[in-house]
Amino acid sequence: MIAHRILIKPRVTEKTANLAKENKYVFEVANGINKIEVKKALEAVYGVAATDVNIIKMKGKKTGAMRRIFGKRKDWKKAVVTLKNGESIDVYSTEDKKQRR
C-alpha cells in the first residue's frame, strides 16, 4: 500500500502535544494496517525511524441523537509512534501537506 494512504493524518490535540515532548506522535492510520506497515510508512514519508508502534482501534461515535435520523461515524485506528532520542517530526507544518498532494 502507498505510504501516504497508510498514514492518513497526524492527530493534533493537547494530549498529543504533551506526548510529543516524550518523542511520541499520534497518527490516524488506515484500517487493516499493522505495526510493521506503519513503521515502514513513517520512514518513507518523514524519514525517521520508529522504535515502538502501538495501535489502538477507536469506535465511531453515534450521531443524530437530537433528530430522528440516527447514524454512526466510521471506526478508525490510531497509532502512537515512539521515535529515537534526538529525532522529531514537525506535524504542525503546512509544507508537508503541499508536497504530499
PDB file of N, CA and C in Angstrom:
ATOM      1  N   MET A   1       0.839  -1.178   0.000  1.00  0.00           N
ATOM      2  CA  MET A   1       0.000   0.000   0.000  1.00  0.00           C
ATOM      3  C   MET A   1       0.886   1.243   0.000  1.00  0.00           C
ATOM      4  N   ILE A   2       0.403   2.322  -0.566  1.00  0.00           N
ATOM      5  CA  ILE A   2       1.153   3.570  -0.631  1.00  0.00           C
ATOM      6  C   ILE A   2       1.261   4.172   0.771  1.00  0.00           C
ATOM      7  N   ALA A   3       2.442   4.696   1.087  1.00  0.00           N
ATOM      8  CA  ALA A   3       2.716   5.202   2.434  1.00  0.00           C
ATOM      9  C   ALA A   3       1.776   6.335   2.833  1.00  0.00           C
ATOM     10  N   HIS A   4       1.384   7.171   1.875  1.00  0.00           N
ATOM     11  CA  HIS A   4       0.502   8.294   2.198  1.00  0.00           C
ATOM     12  C   HIS A   4      -0.913   7.832   2.498  1.00  0.00           C
ATOM     13  N   ARG A   5      -1.277   6.643   2.048  1.00  0.00           N
ATOM     14  CA  ARG A   5      -2.607   6.118   2.360  1.00  0.00           C
ATOM     15  C   ARG A   5      -2.623   5.357   3.673  1.00  0.00           C
ATOM     16  N   ILE A   6      -1.457   4.976   4.159  1.00  0.00           N
ATOM     17  CA  ILE A   6      -1.374   4.302   5.459  1.00  0.00           C
ATOM     18  C   ILE A   6      -1.485   5.334   6.574  1.00  0.00           C
ATOM     19  N   LEU A   7      -0.659   6.376   6.513  1.00  0.00           N
ATOM     20  CA  LEU A   7      -0.715   7.461   7.494  1.00  0.00           C
ATOM     21  C   LEU A   7      -1.697   8.505   6.975  1.00  0.00           C
ATOM     22  N   ILE A   8      -2.911   8.498   7.474  1.00  0.00           N
ATOM     23  CA  ILE A   8      -3.938   9.396   6.957  1.00  0.00           C
ATOM     24  C   ILE A   8      -3.658  10.831   7.374  1.00  0.00           C
ATOM     25  N   LYS A   9      -3.497  11.065   8.687  1.00  0.00           N
ATOM     26  CA  LYS A   9      -3.176  12.410   9.164  1.00  0.00           C
ATOM     27  C   LYS A   9      -2.670  12.330  10.594  1.00  0.00           C
ATOM     28  N   PRO A  10      -1.854  13.304  11.002  1.00  0.00           N
ATOM     29  CA  PRO A  10      -1.443  13.349  12.405  1.00  0.00           C
ATOM     30  C   PRO A  10      -2.581  13.903  13.262  1.00  0.00           C
ATOM     31  N   ARG A  11      -2.731  13.395  14.460  1.00  0.00           N
ATOM     32  CA  ARG A  11      -3.741  13.884  15.394  1.00  0.00           C
ATOM     33  C   ARG A  11      -3.083  14.970  16.239  1.00  0.00           C
ATOM     34  N   VAL A  12      -3.602  16.195  16.168  1.00  0.00           N
ATOM     35  CA  VAL A  12      -3.016  17.321  16.887  1.00  0.00           C
ATOM     36  C   VAL A  12      -4.022  17.793  17.936  1.00  0.00           C
ATOM     37  N   THR A  13      -3.751  17.458  19.197  1.00  0.00           N
ATOM     38  CA  THR A  13      -4.570  17.873  20.327  1.00  0.00           C
ATOM     39  C   THR A  13      -3.640  18.248  21.473  1.00  0.00           C
ATOM     40  N   GLU A  14      -4.223  18.658  22.587  1.00  0.00           N
ATOM     41  CA  GLU A  14      -3.396  18.969  23.756  1.00  0.00           C
ATOM     42  C   GLU A  14      -2.668  17.724  24.259  1.00  0.00           C
ATOM     43  N   LYS A  15      -3.369  16.613  24.288  1.00  0.00           N
ATOM     44  CA  LYS A  15      -2.749  15.375  24.765  1.00  0.00           C
ATOM     45  C   LYS A  15      -1.597  14.947  23.865  1.00  0.00           C
ATOM     46  N   THR A  16      -1.781  15.047  22.549  1.00  0.00           N
ATOM     47  CA  THR A  16      -0.709  14.630  21.644  1.00  0.00           C
ATOM     48  C   THR A  16       0.460  15.605  21.688  1.00  0.00           C
ATOM     49  N   ALA A  17       0.185  16.885  21.974  1.00  0.00           N
ATOM     50  CA  ALA A  17       1.274  17.850  22.122  1.00  0.00           C
ATOM     51  C   ALA A  17       2.126  17.508  23.346  1.00  0.00           C
ATOM     52  N   ASN A  18       1.485  17.052  24.416  1.00  0.00           N
ATOM     53  CA  ASN A  18       2.238  16.626  25.602  1.00  0.00           C
ATOM     54  C   ASN A  18       3.023  15.350  25.327  1.00  0.00           C
ATOM     55  N   LEU A  19       2.464  14.451  24.522  1.00  0.00           N
ATOM     56  CA  LEU A  19       3.184  13.229  24.164  1.00  0.00           C
ATOM     57  C   LEU A  19       4.384  13.527  23.265  1.00  0.00           C
ATOM     58  N   ALA A  20       4.283  14.589  22.446  1.00  0.00           N
ATOM     59  CA  ALA A  20       5.385  14.941  21.548  1.00  0.00           C
ATOM     60  C   ALA A  20       6.640  15.324  22.335  1.00  0.00           C
ATOM     61  N   LYS A  21       6.461  15.813  23.547  1.00  0.00           N
ATOM     62  CA  LYS A  21       7.609  16.142  24.394  1.00  0.00           C
ATOM     63  C   LYS A  21       8.370  14.877  24.802  1.00  0.00           C
ATOM     64  N   GLU A  22       7.672  13.740  24.805  1.00  0.00           N
ATOM     65  CA  GLU A  22       8.283  12.456  25.148  1.00  0.00           C
ATOM     66  C   GLU A  22       8.677  11.663  23.901  1.00  0.00           C
ATOM     67  N   ASN A  23       8.761  12.320  22.750  1.00  0.00           N
ATOM     68  CA  ASN A  23       9.089  11.698  21.453  1.00  0.00           C
ATOM     69  C   ASN A  23       8.037  10.690  21.010  1.00  0.00           C
ATOM     70  N   LYS A  24       6.771  10.938  21.344  1.00  0.00           N
ATOM     71  CA  LYS A  24       5.669  10.087  20.907  1.00  0.00           C
ATOM     72  C   LYS A  24       4.732  10.928  20.051  1.00  0.00           C
ATOM     73  N   TYR A  25       4.370  10.409  18.887  1.00  0.00           N
ATOM     74  CA  TYR A  25       3.492  11.115  17.960  1.00  0.00           C
ATOM     75  C   TYR A  25       2.306  10.228  17.622  1.00  0.00           C
ATOM     76  N   VAL A  26       1.138  10.849  17.433  1.00  0.00           N
ATOM     77  CA  VAL A  26      -0.094  10.103  17.201  1.00  0.00           C
ATOM     78  C   VAL A  26      -0.580  10.376  15.783  1.00  0.00           C
ATOM     79  N   PHE A  27      -0.889   9.302  15.052  1.00  0.00           N
ATOM     80  CA  PHE A  27      -1.383   9.393  13.682  1.00  0.00           C
ATOM     81  C   PHE A  27      -2.672   8.609  13.543  1.00  0.00           C
ATOM     82  N   GLU A  28      -3.568   9.114  12.699  1.00  0.00           N
ATOM     83  CA  GLU A  28      -4.719   8.317  12.283  1.00  0.00           C
ATOM     84  C   GLU A  28      -4.246   7.471  11.112  1.00  0.00           C
ATOM     85  N   VAL A  29      -4.462   6.164  11.192  1.00  0.00           N
ATOM     86  CA  VAL A  29      -3.985   5.250  10.154  1.00  0.00           C
ATOM     87  C   VAL A  29      -5.160   4.503   9.546  1.00  0.00           C
ATOM     88  N   ALA A  30      -4.924   3.915   8.386  1.00  0.00           N
ATOM     89  CA  ALA A  30      -5.966   3.180   7.673  1.00  0.00           C
ATOM     90  C   ALA A  30      -6.312   1.895   8.418  1.00  0.00           C
ATOM     91  N   ASN A  31      -7.560   1.472   8.292  1.00  0.00           N
ATOM     92  CA  ASN A  31      -7.982   0.199   8.892  1.00  0.00           C
ATOM     93  C   ASN A  31      -7.297  -0.947   8.159  1.00  0.00           C
ATOM     94  N   GLY A  32      -6.995  -2.016   8.865  1.00  0.00           N
ATOM     95  CA  GLY A  32      -6.354  -3.179   8.257  1.00  0.00           C
ATOM     96  C   GLY A  32      -4.852  -3.069   8.152  1.00  0.00           C
ATOM     97  N   ILE A  33      -4.264  -2.087   8.811  1.00  0.00           N
ATOM     98  CA  ILE A  33      -2.818  -1.864   8.764  1.00  0.00           C
ATOM     99  C   ILE A  33      -2.206  -2.383  10.062  1.00  0.00           C
ATOM    100  N   ASN A  34      -1.009  -2.979   9.962  1.00  0.00           N
ATOM    101  CA  ASN A  34      -0.342  -3.468  11.170  1.00  0.00           C
ATOM    102  C   ASN A  34       0.845  -2.571  11.536  1.00  0.00           C
ATOM    103  N   LYS A  35       1.501  -2.902  12.642  1.00  0.00           N
ATOM    104  CA  LYS A  35       2.585  -2.074  13.171  1.00  0.00           C
ATOM    105  C   LYS A  35       3.767  -1.976  12.220  1.00  0.00           C
ATOM    106  N   ILE A  36       4.086  -3.065  11.551  1.00  0.00           N
ATOM    107  CA  ILE A  36       5.233  -3.083  10.638  1.00  0.00           C
ATOM    108  C   ILE A  36       5.002  -2.130   9.471  1.00  0.00           C
ATOM    109  N   GLU A  37       3.796  -2.133   8.924  1.00  0.00           N
ATOM    110  CA  GLU A  37       3.482  -1.240   7.803  1.00  0.00           C
ATOM    111  C   GLU A  37       3.496   0.217   8.234  1.00  0.00           C
ATOM    112  N   VAL A  38       3.046   0.512   9.449  1.00  0.00           N
ATOM    113  CA  VAL A  38       3.092   1.886   9.962  1.00  0.00           C
ATOM    114  C   VAL A  38       4.542   2.340  10.095  1.00  0.00           C
ATOM    115  N   LYS A  39       5.401   1.466  10.584  1.00  0.00           N
ATOM    116  CA  LYS A  39       6.821   1.792  10.756  1.00  0.00           C
ATOM    117  C   LYS A  39       7.487   2.102   9.415  1.00  0.00           C
ATOM    118  N   LYS A  40       7.198   1.278   8.398  1.00  0.00           N
ATOM    119  CA  LYS A  40       7.772   1.496   7.065  1.00  0.00           C
ATOM    120  C   LYS A  40       7.239   2.775   6.428  1.00  0.00           C
ATOM    121  N   ALA A  41       5.951   3.053   6.609  1.00  0.00           N
ATOM    122  CA  ALA A  41       5.354   4.264   6.044  1.00  0.00           C
ATOM    123  C   ALA A  41       5.933   5.511   6.696  1.00  0.00           C
ATOM    124  N   LEU A  42       6.198   5.448   7.992  1.00  0.00           N
ATOM    125  CA  LEU A  42       6.781   6.580   8.708  1.00  0.00           C
ATOM    126  C   LEU A  42       8.180   6.890   8.183  1.00  0.00           C
ATOM    127  N   GLU A  43       8.957   5.850   7.908  1.00  0.00           N
ATOM    128  CA  GLU A  43      10.294   6.050   7.345  1.00  0.00           C
ATOM    129  C   GLU A  43      10.214   6.618   5.937  1.00  0.00           C
ATOM    130  N   ALA A  44       9.232   6.177   5.149  1.00  0.00           N
ATOM    131  CA  ALA A  44       9.108   6.650   3.771  1.00  0.00           C
ATOM    132  C   ALA A  44       8.641   8.100   3.702  1.00  0.00           C
ATOM    133  N   VAL A  45       7.687   8.476   4.547  1.00  0.00           N
ATOM    134  CA  VAL A  45       7.104   9.818   4.469  1.00  0.00           C
ATOM    135  C   VAL A  45       7.949  10.851   5.203  1.00  0.00           C
ATOM    136  N   TYR A  46       8.340  10.553   6.438  1.00  0.00           N
ATOM    137  CA  TYR A  46       9.022  11.540   7.271  1.00  0.00           C
ATOM    138  C   TYR A  46      10.528  11.313   7.391  1.00  0.00           C
ATOM    139  N   GLY A  47      11.029  10.157   7.009  1.00  0.00           N
ATOM    140  CA  GLY A  47      12.460   9.890   7.061  1.00  0.00           C
ATOM    141  C   GLY A  47      13.008   9.694   8.461  1.00  0.00           C
ATOM    142  N   VAL A  48      12.189   9.213   9.389  1.00  0.00           N
ATOM    143  CA  VAL A  48      12.637   8.943  10.754  1.00  0.00           C
ATOM    144  C   VAL A  48      12.341   7.483  11.094  1.00  0.00           C
ATOM    145  N   ALA A  49      13.157   6.926  11.985  1.00  0.00           N
ATOM    146  CA  ALA A  49      12.981   5.530  12.383  1.00  0.00           C
ATOM    147  C   ALA A  49      12.231   5.473  13.708  1.00  0.00           C
ATOM    148  N   ALA A  50      11.211   4.644  13.764  1.00  0.00           N
ATOM    149  CA  ALA A  50      10.425   4.474  14.985  1.00  0.00           C
ATOM    150  C   ALA A  50      10.992   3.324  15.806  1.00  0.00           C
ATOM    151  N   THR A  51      11.052   3.517  17.122  1.00  0.00           N
ATOM    152  CA  THR A  51      11.500   2.440  17.997  1.00  0.00           C
ATOM    153  C   THR A  51      10.329   1.581  18.456  1.00  0.00           C
ATOM    154  N   ASP A  52       9.135   2.168  18.540  1.00  0.00           N
ATOM    155  CA  ASP A  52       7.971   1.434  19.022  1.00  0.00           C
ATOM    156  C   ASP A  52       6.709   1.984  18.365  1.00  0.00           C
ATOM    157  N   VAL A  53       5.767   1.098  18.062  1.00  0.00           N
ATOM    158  CA  VAL A  53       4.479   1.492  17.479  1.00  0.00           C
ATOM    159  C   VAL A  53       3.373   0.775  18.241  1.00  0.00           C
ATOM    160  N   ASN A  54       2.411   1.534  18.737  1.00  0.00           N
ATOM    161  CA  ASN A  54       1.224   0.971  19.392  1.00  0.00           C
ATOM    162  C   ASN A  54       0.002   1.382  18.584  1.00  0.00           C
ATOM    163  N   ILE A  55      -0.890   0.429  18.309  1.00  0.00           N
ATOM    164  CA  ILE A  55      -2.088   0.702  17.517  1.00  0.00           C
ATOM    165  C   ILE A  55      -3.324   0.487  18.384  1.00  0.00           C
ATOM    166  N   ILE A  56      -4.265   1.431  18.294  1.00  0.00           N
ATOM    167  CA  ILE A  56      -5.497   1.376  19.071  1.00  0.00           C
ATOM    168  C   ILE A  56      -6.678   1.481  18.119  1.00  0.00           C
ATOM    169  N   LYS A  57      -7.642   0.573  18.248  1.00  0.00           N
ATOM    170  CA  LYS A  57      -8.872   0.650  17.459  1.00  0.00           C
ATOM    171  C   LYS A  57      -9.840   1.575  18.178  1.00  0.00           C
ATOM    172  N   MET A  58     -10.366   2.566  17.458  1.00  0.00           N
ATOM    173  CA  MET A  58     -11.294   3.532  18.032  1.00  0.00           C
ATOM    174  C   MET A  58     -12.687   3.302  17.455  1.00  0.00           C
ATOM    175  N   LYS A  59     -13.690   3.296  18.307  1.00  0.00           N
ATOM    176  CA  LYS A  59     -15.074   3.131  17.867  1.00  0.00           C
ATOM    177  C   LYS A  59     -15.614   4.479  17.409  1.00  0.00           C
ATOM    178  N   GLY A  60     -16.403   4.461  16.326  1.00  0.00           N
ATOM    179  CA  GLY A  60     -17.030   5.678  15.845  1.00  0.00           C
ATOM    180  C   GLY A  60     -18.151   6.122  16.771  1.00  0.00           C
ATOM    181  N   LYS A  61     -18.321   7.432  16.901  1.00  0.00           N
ATOM    182  CA  LYS A  61     -19.355   7.963  17.786  1.00  0.00           C
ATOM    183  C   LYS A  61     -20.729   7.872  17.135  1.00  0.00           C
ATOM    184  N   LYS A  62     -21.744   7.740  17.960  1.00  0.00           N
ATOM    185  CA  LYS A  62     -23.116   7.770  17.461  1.00  0.00           C
ATOM    186  C   LYS A  62     -23.488   9.217  17.187  1.00  0.00           C
ATOM    187  N   THR A  63     -24.253   9.454  16.125  1.00  0.00           N
ATOM    188  CA  THR A  63     -24.628  10.809  15.747  1.00  0.00           C
ATOM    189  C   THR A  63     -26.136  10.906  15.587  1.00  0.00           C
ATOM    190  N   GLY A  64     -26.629  12.140  15.564  1.00  0.00           N
ATOM    191  CA  GLY A  64     -28.032  12.385  15.279  1.00  0.00           C
ATOM    192  C   GLY A  64     -28.968  12.074  16.416  1.00  0.00           C
ATOM    193  N   ALA A  65     -28.548  12.246  17.648  1.00  0.00           N
ATOM    194  CA  ALA A  65     -29.402  11.922  18.780  1.00  0.00           C
ATOM    195  C   ALA A  65     -30.566  12.905  18.914  1.00  0.00           C
ATOM    196  N   MET A  66     -30.402  14.124  18.458  1.00  0.00           N
ATOM    197  CA  MET A  66     -31.456  15.129  18.586  1.00  0.00           C
ATOM    198  C   MET A  66     -32.501  15.002  17.481  1.00  0.00           C
ATOM    199  N   ARG A  67     -32.138  14.397  16.392  1.00  0.00           N
ATOM    200  CA  ARG A  67     -33.078  14.223  15.284  1.00  0.00           C
ATOM    201  C   ARG A  67     -33.573  12.787  15.276  1.00  0.00           C
ATOM    202  N   ARG A  68     -34.473  12.490  14.385  1.00  0.00           N
ATOM    203  CA  ARG A  68     -34.985  11.123  14.302  1.00  0.00           C
ATOM    204  C   ARG A  68     -34.101  10.238  13.437  1.00  0.00           C
ATOM    205  N   ILE A  69     -33.116  10.829  12.788  1.00  0.00           N
ATOM    206  CA  ILE A  69     -32.193  10.068  11.952  1.00  0.00           C
ATOM    207  C   ILE A  69     -30.966   9.742  12.796  1.00  0.00           C
ATOM    208  N   PHE A  70     -30.709   8.465  12.969  1.00  0.00           N
ATOM    209  CA  PHE A  70     -29.563   8.049  13.761  1.00  0.00           C
ATOM    210  C   PHE A  70     -28.489   7.489  12.846  1.00  0.00           C
ATOM    211  N   GLY A  71     -27.267   7.689  13.232  1.00  0.00           N
ATOM    212  CA  GLY A  71     -26.157   7.178  12.448  1.00  0.00           C
ATOM    213  C   GLY A  71     -24.950   6.949  13.337  1.00  0.00           C
ATOM    214  N   LYS A  72     -23.844   6.653  12.693  1.00  0.00           N
ATOM    215  CA  LYS A  72     -22.613   6.384  13.425  1.00  0.00           C
ATOM    216  C   LYS A  72     -21.439   6.769  12.546  1.00  0.00           C
ATOM    217  N   ARG A  73     -20.463   7.419  13.137  1.00  0.00           N
ATOM    218  CA  ARG A  73     -19.237   7.707  12.402  1.00  0.00           C
ATOM    219  C   ARG A  73     -18.451   6.414  12.243  1.00  0.00           C
ATOM    220  N   LYS A  74     -17.592   6.376  11.250  1.00  0.00           N
ATOM    221  CA  LYS A  74     -16.854   5.137  10.981  1.00  0.00           C
ATOM    222  C   LYS A  74     -15.832   4.851  12.078  1.00  0.00           C
ATOM    223  N   ASP A  75     -15.550   3.577  12.280  1.00  0.00           N
ATOM    224  CA  ASP A  75     -14.495   3.159  13.196  1.00  0.00           C
ATOM    225  C   ASP A  75     -13.147   3.490  12.557  1.00  0.00           C
ATOM    226  N   TRP A  76     -12.140   3.787  13.376  1.00  0.00           N
ATOM    227  CA  TRP A  76     -10.832   4.151  12.847  1.00  0.00           C
ATOM    228  C   TRP A  76      -9.740   3.645  13.782  1.00  0.00           C
ATOM    229  N   LYS A  77      -8.516   3.720  13.295  1.00  0.00           N
ATOM    230  CA  LYS A  77      -7.358   3.288  14.081  1.00  0.00           C
ATOM    231  C   LYS A  77      -6.434   4.467  14.305  1.00  0.00           C
ATOM    232  N   LYS A  78      -5.806   4.478  15.478  1.00  0.00           N
ATOM    233  CA  LYS A  78      -4.751   5.463  15.700  1.00  0.00           C
ATOM    234  C   LYS A  78      -3.494   4.736  16.129  1.00  0.00           C
ATOM    235  N   ALA A  79      -2.370   5.293  15.717  1.00  0.00           N
ATOM    236  CA  ALA A  79      -1.072   4.705  16.028  1.00  0.00           C
ATOM    237  C   ALA A  79      -0.267   5.703  16.849  1.00  0.00           C
ATOM    238  N   VAL A  80       0.257   5.242  17.976  1.00  0.00           N
ATOM    239  CA  VAL A  80       1.156   6.046  18.797  1.00  0.00           C
ATOM    240  C   VAL A  80       2.566   5.563  18.489  1.00  0.00           C
ATOM    241  N   VAL A  81       3.366   6.457  17.894  1.00  0.00           N
ATOM    242  CA  VAL A  81       4.697   6.105  17.409  1.00  0.00           C
ATOM    243  C   VAL A  81       5.745   6.743  18.312  1.00  0.00           C
ATOM    244  N   THR A  82       6.678   5.940  18.805  1.00  0.00           N
ATOM    245  CA  THR A  82       7.778   6.431  19.628  1.00  0.00           C
ATOM    246  C   THR A  82       9.032   6.494  18.763  1.00  0.00           C
ATOM    247  N   LEU A  83       9.701   7.654  18.784  1.00  0.00           N
ATOM    248  CA  LEU A  83      10.918   7.851  17.994  1.00  0.00           C
ATOM    249  C   LEU A  83      12.151   7.761  18.879  1.00  0.00           C
ATOM    250  N   LYS A  84      13.306   7.609  18.234  1.00  0.00           N
ATOM    251  CA  LYS A  84      14.579   7.609  18.953  1.00  0.00           C
ATOM    252  C   LYS A  84      14.827   8.995  19.538  1.00  0.00           C
ATOM    253  N   ASN A  85      15.645   9.055  20.582  1.00  0.00           N
ATOM    254  CA  ASN A  85      16.001  10.348  21.168  1.00  0.00           C
ATOM    255  C   ASN A  85      16.726  11.196  20.136  1.00  0.00           C
ATOM    256  N   GLY A  86      16.371  12.468  20.062  1.00  0.00           N
ATOM    257  CA  GLY A  86      17.001  13.375  19.113  1.00  0.00           C
ATOM    258  C   GLY A  86      16.252  13.515  17.802  1.00  0.00           C
ATOM    259  N   GLU A  87      15.364  12.588  17.469  1.00  0.00           N
ATOM    260  CA  GLU A  87      14.578  12.684  16.240  1.00  0.00           C
ATOM    261  C   GLU A  87      13.217  13.286  16.554  1.00  0.00           C
ATOM    262  N   SER A  88      12.680  14.021  15.584  1.00  0.00           N
ATOM    263  CA  SER A  88      11.362  14.618  15.778  1.00  0.00           C
ATOM    264  C   SER A  88      10.663  14.764  14.435  1.00  0.00           C
ATOM    265  N   ILE A  89       9.359  14.962  14.500  1.00  0.00           N
ATOM    266  CA  ILE A  89       8.532  15.176  13.317  1.00  0.00           C
ATOM    267  C   ILE A  89       7.827  16.509  13.497  1.00  0.00           C
ATOM    268  N   ASP A  90       7.828  17.332  12.459  1.00  0.00           N
ATOM    269  CA  ASP A  90       7.116  18.607  12.518  1.00  0.00           C
ATOM    270  C   ASP A  90       5.703  18.385  11.978  1.00  0.00           C
ATOM    271  N   VAL A  91       4.765  18.048  12.857  1.00  0.00           N
ATOM    272  CA  VAL A  91       3.385  17.775  12.430  1.00  0.00           C
ATOM    273  C   VAL A  91       2.576  19.053  12.268  1.00  0.00           C
ATOM    274  N   TYR A  92       3.120  20.187  12.675  1.00  0.00           N
ATOM    275  CA  TYR A  92       2.396  21.445  12.599  1.00  0.00           C
ATOM    276  C   TYR A  92       2.649  22.205  11.305  1.00  0.00           C
ATOM    277  N   SER A  93       3.594  21.753  10.478  1.00  0.00           N
ATOM    278  CA  SER A  93       3.920  22.489   9.258  1.00  0.00           C
ATOM    279  C   SER A  93       2.890  22.228   8.174  1.00  0.00           C
ATOM    280  N   THR A  94       2.701  23.212   7.301  1.00  0.00           N
ATOM    281  CA  THR A  94       1.764  23.065   6.189  1.00  0.00           C
ATOM    282  C   THR A  94       2.493  22.698   4.906  1.00  0.00           C
ATOM    283  N   GLU A  95       3.820  22.798   4.882  1.00  0.00           N
ATOM    284  CA  GLU A  95       4.581  22.458   3.679  1.00  0.00           C
ATOM    285  C   GLU A  95       4.466  20.979   3.358  1.00  0.00           C
ATOM    286  N   ASP A  96       4.395  20.152   4.389  1.00  0.00           N
ATOM    287  CA  ASP A  96       4.267  18.708   4.204  1.00  0.00           C
ATOM    288  C   ASP A  96       3.013  18.366   3.412  1.00  0.00           C
ATOM    289  N   LYS A  97       1.913  19.034   3.727  1.00  0.00           N
ATOM    290  CA  LYS A  97       0.651  18.767   3.050  1.00  0.00           C
ATOM    291  C   LYS A  97       0.722  19.165   1.584  1.00  0.00           C
ATOM    292  N   LYS A  98       1.421  20.260   1.292  1.00  0.00           N
ATOM    293  CA  LYS A  98       1.533  20.713  -0.098  1.00  0.00           C
ATOM    294  C   LYS A  98       2.361  19.730  -0.922  1.00  0.00           C
ATOM    295  N   GLN A  99       3.421  19.172  -0.330  1.00  0.00           N
ATOM    296  CA  GLN A  99       4.273  18.232  -1.050  1.00  0.00           C
ATOM    297  C   GLN A  99       3.570  16.911  -1.289  1.00  0.00           C
ATOM    298  N   ARG A 100       2.709  16.492  -0.366  1.00  0.00           N
ATOM    299  CA  ARG A 100       2.037  15.206  -0.479  1.00  0.00           C
ATOM    300  C   ARG A 100       1.002  15.203  -1.596  1.00  0.00           C
ATOM    301  N   ARG A 101       0.467  16.362  -1.938  1.00  0.00           N
ATOM    302  CA  ARG A 101      -0.550  16.431  -2.993  1.00  0.00           C
ATOM    303  C   ARG A 101       0.122  16.428  -4.298  1.00  0.00           C
TER     304      ARG A 101
END
